[in-house]
Amino acid sequence: MKKVEAIIRKSKFDEVKKALHAIEVNFLSYWDVTGVGNEKQGHVYRGISYSTTDIQRRYLVIVVSDDFLERTIETLTKTASTGNVGDGKIFVSEITEAYRIRTGESGHAGIN
């Protein structure tokens, strides 16, 4: 099993969530976060200059079986991308076990 952590634009969240459900990734947790990115210059939008050093994003945590990892990553990169700086990051780490509290099921059954 893998834990996929993704930091994406808040504006892309609904599209990402629908795309993940379409590939049968039905459980995820998310938080609104603020972070500091690599971009050092501000932007001008409708004549107003704003800083991009502190940016609002959505942080997703998804635990998937190994066989769902590639399609999860592909879906995230395809749907969360705008092609602009600040689209986000994806991190993948190993999960050794998962349990469903209600039934005691473990492994793949514990996350689906």
N, C-alpha and C. Protein backbone atom coordinates (compact mmCIF):
# COMPACT_ATOMS: atom_id res chain seq x y z
N MET A 1 0.84 -1.18 0.00
CA MET A 1 0.00 0.00 0.00
C MET A 1 0.88 1.23 0.00
N LYS A 2 0.34 2.30 -0.57
CA LYS A 2 1.08 3.55 -0.65
C LYS A 2 0.21 4.70 -0.11
N LYS A 3 0.90 5.67 0.49
CA LYS A 3 0.23 6.91 0.89
C LYS A 3 0.65 7.97 -0.11
N VAL A 4 -0.33 8.56 -0.76
CA VAL A 4 -0.09 9.62 -1.73
C VAL A 4 -0.51 10.93 -1.07
N GLU A 5 0.41 11.86 -0.97
CA GLU A 5 0.12 13.17 -0.44
C GLU A 5 0.29 14.15 -1.58
N ALA A 6 -0.71 14.96 -1.80
CA ALA A 6 -0.68 15.91 -2.91
C ALA A 6 -1.05 17.31 -2.40
N ILE A 7 -0.32 18.28 -2.87
CA ILE A 7 -0.62 19.68 -2.59
C ILE A 7 -1.03 20.28 -3.92
N ILE A 8 -2.29 20.72 -4.00
CA ILE A 8 -2.83 21.20 -5.27
C ILE A 8 -3.48 22.57 -5.08
N ARG A 9 -3.79 23.21 -6.19
CA ARG A 9 -4.54 24.46 -6.15
C ARG A 9 -5.96 24.19 -5.63
N LYS A 10 -6.45 25.08 -4.79
CA LYS A 10 -7.82 24.91 -4.29
C LYS A 10 -8.83 24.92 -5.42
N SER A 11 -8.56 25.69 -6.46
CA SER A 11 -9.49 25.80 -7.58
C SER A 11 -9.61 24.50 -8.38
N LYS A 12 -8.67 23.59 -8.23
CA LYS A 12 -8.71 22.33 -8.97
C LYS A 12 -9.27 21.18 -8.14
N PHE A 13 -9.60 21.43 -6.88
CA PHE A 13 -9.99 20.35 -5.98
C PHE A 13 -11.22 19.57 -6.46
N ASP A 14 -12.30 20.25 -6.82
CA ASP A 14 -13.52 19.54 -7.24
C ASP A 14 -13.26 18.67 -8.46
N GLU A 15 -12.49 19.17 -9.41
CA GLU A 15 -12.17 18.41 -10.61
C GLU A 15 -11.32 17.18 -10.25
N VAL A 16 -10.35 17.35 -9.37
CA VAL A 16 -9.50 16.24 -8.94
C VAL A 16 -10.33 15.19 -8.20
N LYS A 17 -11.20 15.64 -7.30
CA LYS A 17 -12.02 14.71 -6.53
C LYS A 17 -12.91 13.87 -7.45
N LYS A 18 -13.55 14.49 -8.43
CA LYS A 18 -14.40 13.77 -9.38
C LYS A 18 -13.58 12.77 -10.20
N ALA A 19 -12.40 13.18 -10.62
CA ALA A 19 -11.55 12.29 -11.41
C ALA A 19 -11.08 11.09 -10.59
N LEU A 20 -10.76 11.32 -9.32
CA LEU A 20 -10.35 10.21 -8.46
C LEU A 20 -11.51 9.24 -8.24
N HIS A 21 -12.72 9.75 -8.03
CA HIS A 21 -13.89 8.88 -7.88
C HIS A 21 -14.12 8.07 -9.16
N ALA A 22 -13.85 8.68 -10.32
CA ALA A 22 -14.05 7.99 -11.59
C ALA A 22 -13.11 6.79 -11.75
N ILE A 23 -11.94 6.83 -11.10
CA ILE A 23 -11.02 5.68 -11.18
C ILE A 23 -11.14 4.79 -9.94
N GLU A 24 -12.21 4.99 -9.17
CA GLU A 24 -12.54 4.18 -8.00
C GLU A 24 -11.61 4.40 -6.80
N VAL A 25 -11.05 5.59 -6.71
CA VAL A 25 -10.35 6.01 -5.49
C VAL A 25 -11.38 6.83 -4.73
N ASN A 26 -12.03 6.20 -3.76
CA ASN A 26 -13.20 6.80 -3.12
C ASN A 26 -12.97 7.36 -1.74
N PHE A 27 -11.78 7.22 -1.20
CA PHE A 27 -11.53 7.75 0.13
C PHE A 27 -10.30 8.63 0.09
N LEU A 28 -10.45 9.84 0.61
CA LEU A 28 -9.32 10.74 0.76
C LEU A 28 -9.63 11.71 1.88
N SER A 29 -8.57 12.24 2.45
CA SER A 29 -8.70 13.29 3.46
C SER A 29 -8.06 14.54 2.88
N TYR A 30 -8.53 15.71 3.31
CA TYR A 30 -7.94 16.94 2.80
C TYR A 30 -8.01 18.05 3.83
N TRP A 31 -7.08 18.98 3.68
CA TRP A 31 -7.00 20.15 4.54
C TRP A 31 -6.67 21.36 3.68
N ASP A 32 -7.14 22.52 4.10
CA ASP A 32 -6.70 23.76 3.49
C ASP A 32 -5.40 24.17 4.17
N VAL A 33 -4.39 24.47 3.36
CA VAL A 33 -3.07 24.80 3.89
C VAL A 33 -2.53 26.05 3.21
N THR A 34 -1.57 26.67 3.85
CA THR A 34 -0.84 27.77 3.26
C THR A 34 0.62 27.38 3.24
N GLY A 35 1.29 27.64 2.14
CA GLY A 35 2.69 27.27 2.03
C GLY A 35 3.50 28.33 1.33
N VAL A 36 4.77 28.09 1.28
CA VAL A 36 5.70 28.99 0.60
C VAL A 36 6.28 28.22 -0.57
N GLY A 37 6.18 28.80 -1.76
CA GLY A 37 6.67 28.13 -2.96
C GLY A 37 8.01 28.67 -3.42
N ASN A 38 8.45 28.20 -4.59
CA ASN A 38 9.73 28.62 -5.15
C ASN A 38 9.68 29.97 -5.83
N GLU A 39 8.53 30.38 -6.30
CA GLU A 39 8.44 31.62 -7.06
C GLU A 39 8.69 32.82 -6.17
N LYS A 40 9.55 33.70 -6.63
CA LYS A 40 9.97 34.85 -5.81
C LYS A 40 9.29 36.15 -6.21
N GLN A 41 8.65 36.20 -7.36
CA GLN A 41 8.04 37.45 -7.80
C GLN A 41 6.53 37.42 -7.63
N GLY A 42 5.95 38.59 -7.53
CA GLY A 42 4.50 38.70 -7.40
C GLY A 42 3.83 38.68 -8.76
N HIS A 43 2.53 38.66 -8.75
CA HIS A 43 1.73 38.70 -9.98
C HIS A 43 0.80 39.90 -9.93
N VAL A 44 0.36 40.33 -11.10
CA VAL A 44 -0.62 41.40 -11.20
C VAL A 44 -1.88 40.81 -11.81
N TYR A 45 -2.99 40.99 -11.12
CA TYR A 45 -4.28 40.50 -11.61
C TYR A 45 -5.26 41.65 -11.53
N ARG A 46 -5.81 42.02 -12.69
CA ARG A 46 -6.75 43.14 -12.78
C ARG A 46 -6.19 44.41 -12.13
N GLY A 47 -4.92 44.64 -12.41
CA GLY A 47 -4.29 45.86 -11.93
C GLY A 47 -3.86 45.85 -10.48
N ILE A 48 -4.07 44.73 -9.79
CA ILE A 48 -3.70 44.63 -8.37
C ILE A 48 -2.53 43.66 -8.26
N SER A 49 -1.45 44.11 -7.64
CA SER A 49 -0.29 43.25 -7.44
C SER A 49 -0.49 42.42 -6.18
N TYR A 50 -0.18 41.15 -6.25
CA TYR A 50 -0.28 40.31 -5.07
C TYR A 50 0.92 39.38 -4.99
N SER A 51 1.27 39.00 -3.79
CA SER A 51 2.42 38.16 -3.53
C SER A 51 2.06 36.70 -3.74
N THR A 52 3.00 35.95 -4.29
CA THR A 52 2.77 34.51 -4.45
C THR A 52 3.66 33.72 -3.50
N THR A 53 4.29 34.39 -2.53
CA THR A 53 5.16 33.66 -1.61
C THR A 53 4.34 32.86 -0.60
N ASP A 54 3.21 33.36 -0.17
CA ASP A 54 2.31 32.62 0.72
C ASP A 54 1.08 32.26 -0.09
N ILE A 55 0.94 30.97 -0.42
CA ILE A 55 -0.12 30.57 -1.33
C ILE A 55 -1.08 29.59 -0.67
N GLN A 56 -2.36 29.77 -0.96
CA GLN A 56 -3.40 28.89 -0.44
C GLN A 56 -3.49 27.64 -1.31
N ARG A 57 -3.44 26.49 -0.68
CA ARG A 57 -3.52 25.23 -1.40
C ARG A 57 -4.39 24.24 -0.62
N ARG A 58 -4.67 23.13 -1.24
CA ARG A 58 -5.38 22.04 -0.58
C ARG A 58 -4.43 20.85 -0.51
N TYR A 59 -4.35 20.26 0.67
CA TYR A 59 -3.45 19.13 0.94
C TYR A 59 -4.29 17.87 1.00
N LEU A 60 -4.01 16.92 0.12
CA LEU A 60 -4.77 15.67 0.05
C LEU A 60 -3.92 14.51 0.56
N VAL A 61 -4.55 13.59 1.28
CA VAL A 61 -3.91 12.35 1.68
C VAL A 61 -4.79 11.21 1.20
N ILE A 62 -4.19 10.33 0.42
CA ILE A 62 -4.91 9.20 -0.18
C ILE A 62 -4.09 7.94 0.06
N VAL A 63 -4.69 6.91 0.62
CA VAL A 63 -4.01 5.62 0.77
C VAL A 63 -4.62 4.67 -0.25
N VAL A 64 -3.75 4.08 -1.07
CA VAL A 64 -4.21 3.20 -2.15
C VAL A 64 -3.41 1.90 -2.15
N SER A 65 -4.00 0.86 -2.73
CA SER A 65 -3.28 -0.39 -2.97
C SER A 65 -2.20 -0.13 -4.02
N ASP A 66 -1.18 -0.95 -4.01
CA ASP A 66 -0.09 -0.77 -4.97
C ASP A 66 -0.58 -0.73 -6.42
N ASP A 67 -1.60 -1.54 -6.74
CA ASP A 67 -2.09 -1.58 -8.12
C ASP A 67 -2.88 -0.32 -8.50
N PHE A 68 -3.23 0.53 -7.56
CA PHE A 68 -3.93 1.78 -7.85
C PHE A 68 -2.98 2.97 -7.90
N LEU A 69 -1.71 2.77 -7.56
CA LEU A 69 -0.79 3.90 -7.44
C LEU A 69 -0.61 4.65 -8.76
N GLU A 70 -0.28 3.95 -9.82
CA GLU A 70 0.01 4.62 -11.10
C GLU A 70 -1.20 5.41 -11.61
N ARG A 71 -2.38 4.81 -11.56
CA ARG A 71 -3.55 5.54 -12.06
C ARG A 71 -3.91 6.71 -11.16
N THR A 72 -3.61 6.61 -9.87
CA THR A 72 -3.85 7.73 -8.96
C THR A 72 -2.91 8.88 -9.30
N ILE A 73 -1.63 8.59 -9.49
CA ILE A 73 -0.65 9.62 -9.84
C ILE A 73 -0.99 10.26 -11.19
N GLU A 74 -1.32 9.44 -12.17
CA GLU A 74 -1.69 9.96 -13.49
C GLU A 74 -2.90 10.87 -13.41
N THR A 75 -3.90 10.46 -12.65
CA THR A 75 -5.11 11.27 -12.50
C THR A 75 -4.80 12.59 -11.82
N LEU A 76 -4.01 12.55 -10.76
CA LEU A 76 -3.63 13.79 -10.07
C LEU A 76 -2.86 14.73 -10.98
N THR A 77 -1.86 14.22 -11.68
CA THR A 77 -1.05 15.10 -12.52
C THR A 77 -1.85 15.66 -13.69
N LYS A 78 -2.74 14.86 -14.24
CA LYS A 78 -3.53 15.33 -15.37
C LYS A 78 -4.58 16.37 -14.96
N THR A 79 -5.30 16.11 -13.88
CA THR A 79 -6.41 16.99 -13.52
C THR A 79 -5.99 18.19 -12.68
N ALA A 80 -4.89 18.10 -11.94
CA ALA A 80 -4.48 19.22 -11.10
C ALA A 80 -3.60 20.22 -11.84
N SER A 81 -3.15 19.87 -13.02
CA SER A 81 -2.21 20.72 -13.75
C SER A 81 -2.92 21.86 -14.49
N THR A 82 -2.33 23.05 -14.38
CA THR A 82 -2.76 24.18 -15.21
C THR A 82 -1.66 24.56 -16.18
N GLY A 83 -0.46 23.98 -15.97
CA GLY A 83 0.69 24.32 -16.79
C GLY A 83 1.44 25.54 -16.29
N ASN A 84 1.01 26.08 -15.17
CA ASN A 84 1.64 27.27 -14.60
C ASN A 84 2.41 26.92 -13.34
N VAL A 85 3.33 27.82 -12.98
CA VAL A 85 4.07 27.67 -11.73
C VAL A 85 3.07 27.62 -10.58
N GLY A 86 3.30 26.73 -9.62
CA GLY A 86 2.43 26.65 -8.45
C GLY A 86 1.35 25.60 -8.53
N ASP A 87 1.45 24.68 -9.49
CA ASP A 87 0.44 23.62 -9.61
C ASP A 87 0.49 22.64 -8.45
N GLY A 88 1.64 22.50 -7.79
CA GLY A 88 1.70 21.66 -6.60
C GLY A 88 2.74 20.58 -6.66
N LYS A 89 2.64 19.66 -5.71
CA LYS A 89 3.58 18.55 -5.57
C LYS A 89 2.82 17.29 -5.19
N ILE A 90 3.44 16.14 -5.48
CA ILE A 90 2.92 14.83 -5.07
C ILE A 90 4.05 14.08 -4.39
N PHE A 91 3.75 13.48 -3.24
CA PHE A 91 4.71 12.68 -2.50
C PHE A 91 4.11 11.29 -2.29
N VAL A 92 4.93 10.26 -2.40
CA VAL A 92 4.48 8.88 -2.23
C VAL A 92 5.34 8.22 -1.16
N SER A 93 4.69 7.56 -0.21
CA SER A 93 5.43 6.82 0.82
C SER A 93 4.77 5.47 1.04
N GLU A 94 5.51 4.58 1.67
CA GLU A 94 5.05 3.22 1.91
C GLU A 94 4.16 3.16 3.15
N ILE A 95 3.10 2.38 3.07
CA ILE A 95 2.24 2.09 4.22
C ILE A 95 2.37 0.60 4.49
N THR A 96 2.69 0.24 5.70
CA THR A 96 2.90 -1.18 5.99
C THR A 96 1.60 -1.91 6.30
N GLU A 97 0.61 -1.21 6.83
CA GLU A 97 -0.65 -1.87 7.14
C GLU A 97 -1.75 -0.83 7.32
N ALA A 98 -2.99 -1.25 7.07
CA ALA A 98 -4.16 -0.41 7.28
C ALA A 98 -5.27 -1.27 7.86
N TYR A 99 -6.04 -0.70 8.77
CA TYR A 99 -7.15 -1.42 9.41
C TYR A 99 -8.42 -0.60 9.36
N ARG A 100 -9.52 -1.27 9.12
CA ARG A 100 -10.83 -0.63 9.24
C ARG A 100 -11.27 -0.83 10.68
N ILE A 101 -11.50 0.25 11.38
CA ILE A 101 -11.82 0.18 12.80
C ILE A 101 -13.12 -0.58 13.05
N ARG A 102 -14.14 -0.32 12.26
CA ARG A 102 -15.45 -0.93 12.49
C ARG A 102 -15.42 -2.45 12.40
N THR A 103 -14.73 -2.99 11.39
CA THR A 103 -14.78 -4.44 11.16
C THR A 103 -13.49 -5.17 11.51
N GLY A 104 -12.39 -4.45 11.67
CA GLY A 104 -11.11 -5.08 11.93
C GLY A 104 -10.42 -5.58 10.68
N GLU A 105 -11.02 -5.36 9.50
CA GLU A 105 -10.40 -5.79 8.25
C GLU A 105 -9.06 -5.08 8.09
N SER A 106 -8.12 -5.77 7.43
CA SER A 106 -6.80 -5.17 7.24
C SER A 106 -6.39 -5.28 5.79
N GLY A 107 -5.26 -4.63 5.48
CA GLY A 107 -4.73 -4.66 4.12
C GLY A 107 -5.65 -3.94 3.16
N HIS A 108 -5.75 -4.50 1.93
CA HIS A 108 -6.58 -3.90 0.89
C HIS A 108 -8.04 -3.74 1.34
N ALA A 109 -8.56 -4.73 2.03
CA ALA A 109 -9.95 -4.66 2.53
C ALA A 109 -10.11 -3.55 3.56
N GLY A 110 -9.05 -3.19 4.25
CA GLY A 110 -9.12 -2.14 5.25
C GLY A 110 -9.19 -0.74 4.69
N ILE A 111 -8.84 -0.59 3.40
CA ILE A 111 -8.87 0.75 2.82
C ILE A 111 -9.96 0.92 1.77
N ASN A 112 -10.64 -0.14 1.41
CA ASN A 112 -11.71 -0.03 0.39
C ASN A 112 -13.07 -0.29 0.97
